[in-house]
Amino acid sequence: MSDYNFDAYVTAALFDRSGQAVFALGDGTVRFEAGEVIQAHPDAGILSAVLHPSGEGIVTGGDDGRLVWTRPSGAELLAEVKGRWIEAVDSSAASGLIAFAAGKAARVISATDKAFARVFTHDQSVTDVAFDPKGLRLAAAAYGGAAVWYARIADQKPLLLKWPGIHTRLLWSPDGKFLISALQDAQLHGWRLHDHKDMRMGGYPAKVKAMAFLSNGAILATGGANGVVLWPFSGPAGPMGKEAAEVAFDETSLVAQVACAGAVLAGGREDGRVFALAPNGRRVEPIRADKGSAITALALCADGLRVAWGDEDGAAGVSALPSLA
């Protein structure tokens, strides 16, 4: 295990294409597991981060209105919206596109074509953006629901998926058939895209800050409860008419973050502990057993063999997972 003390809020932990852990911090720096420290946002904080479509380095949005691509060799400005915070960003390796939210607009640029740009305007501030699995459609969350746009088409009317409330986080199912939204008032809502059917997923004691799909989309794992909540998504109806399960239950602390790779699941708690869960859900393996500040960032390597985490006070770590067979 490698432990770090960055002395800054850990906004995101990611693994790049090479399997190296990368941390995006509230002091504007990006720090690589190999030791490189890049000042991506001088005198500003990083609010959002995602892997670059190429898999090399990460793209970050800051409270300076700058969108920056950072690699161990340095930082490159990709876009800037003066006077706005970039609180949400997503990318697609399939299409090579990058999307980010700034005020009431969701903006799309290309990783390979600097002349390409699209701006999709909404009536309310955009709170999150998410590409579908093929990178062809972009969902943008705002108050009252989500809008789905074709990412490369300039003049169009979006598909409006409505549901009351403040929508804070979006996630597509791996097959592109469902769009899931986390709301400010501690519930999830989903839509089945082919008929716009609503799916209500409630019962959470706290706001859901993290969602991830397990096992090729058969299960949706979320935080927001004392254990990891698992919603069944196999079949054409998704979770409709089915009940969620809860694993790794601990009455003393809520799960803040979840991360998945294949059938491997990791979780991070509000009390600073990090754990991994065996695929059958019957055994919890501690990764960080000591309590501390709330986990704010969590990632699994693509092969599911390593986990990276960070907390709100700047403590972070990278660890190999124990055998979960």
Foldseek 3Di string as FASTA:
>chain_A
DDKDFPQFFFQAWEAFPVRWIWTATQCQWIATPVGAIENQDHPWGWQEKDQQLVSAAIWTWTQQQWIWGDHSVYIDTLDGDGPWGFNEKDAAVLQQKIWTFTWQWIKIDGPVDSPAIEIDGDPGGWQYWDAANNNQWIWTFAAFFIWIDGRRDHDDGTDTQGDHAGWHDWDAANVRQKIKTWGQVAWIWMAGPVVRDIDTGHDFPHGWQEWDAEQSRQWIWTWRHQFIKIAGQPDSVGRVPHDIDGAPGDPVWTWHYWEYAHLKIKTWTQQGWIWIAASVRPDIGTPRPDGDHGKNYKYAGNVRQKIKTAHRRRMIDIDGDDDRD
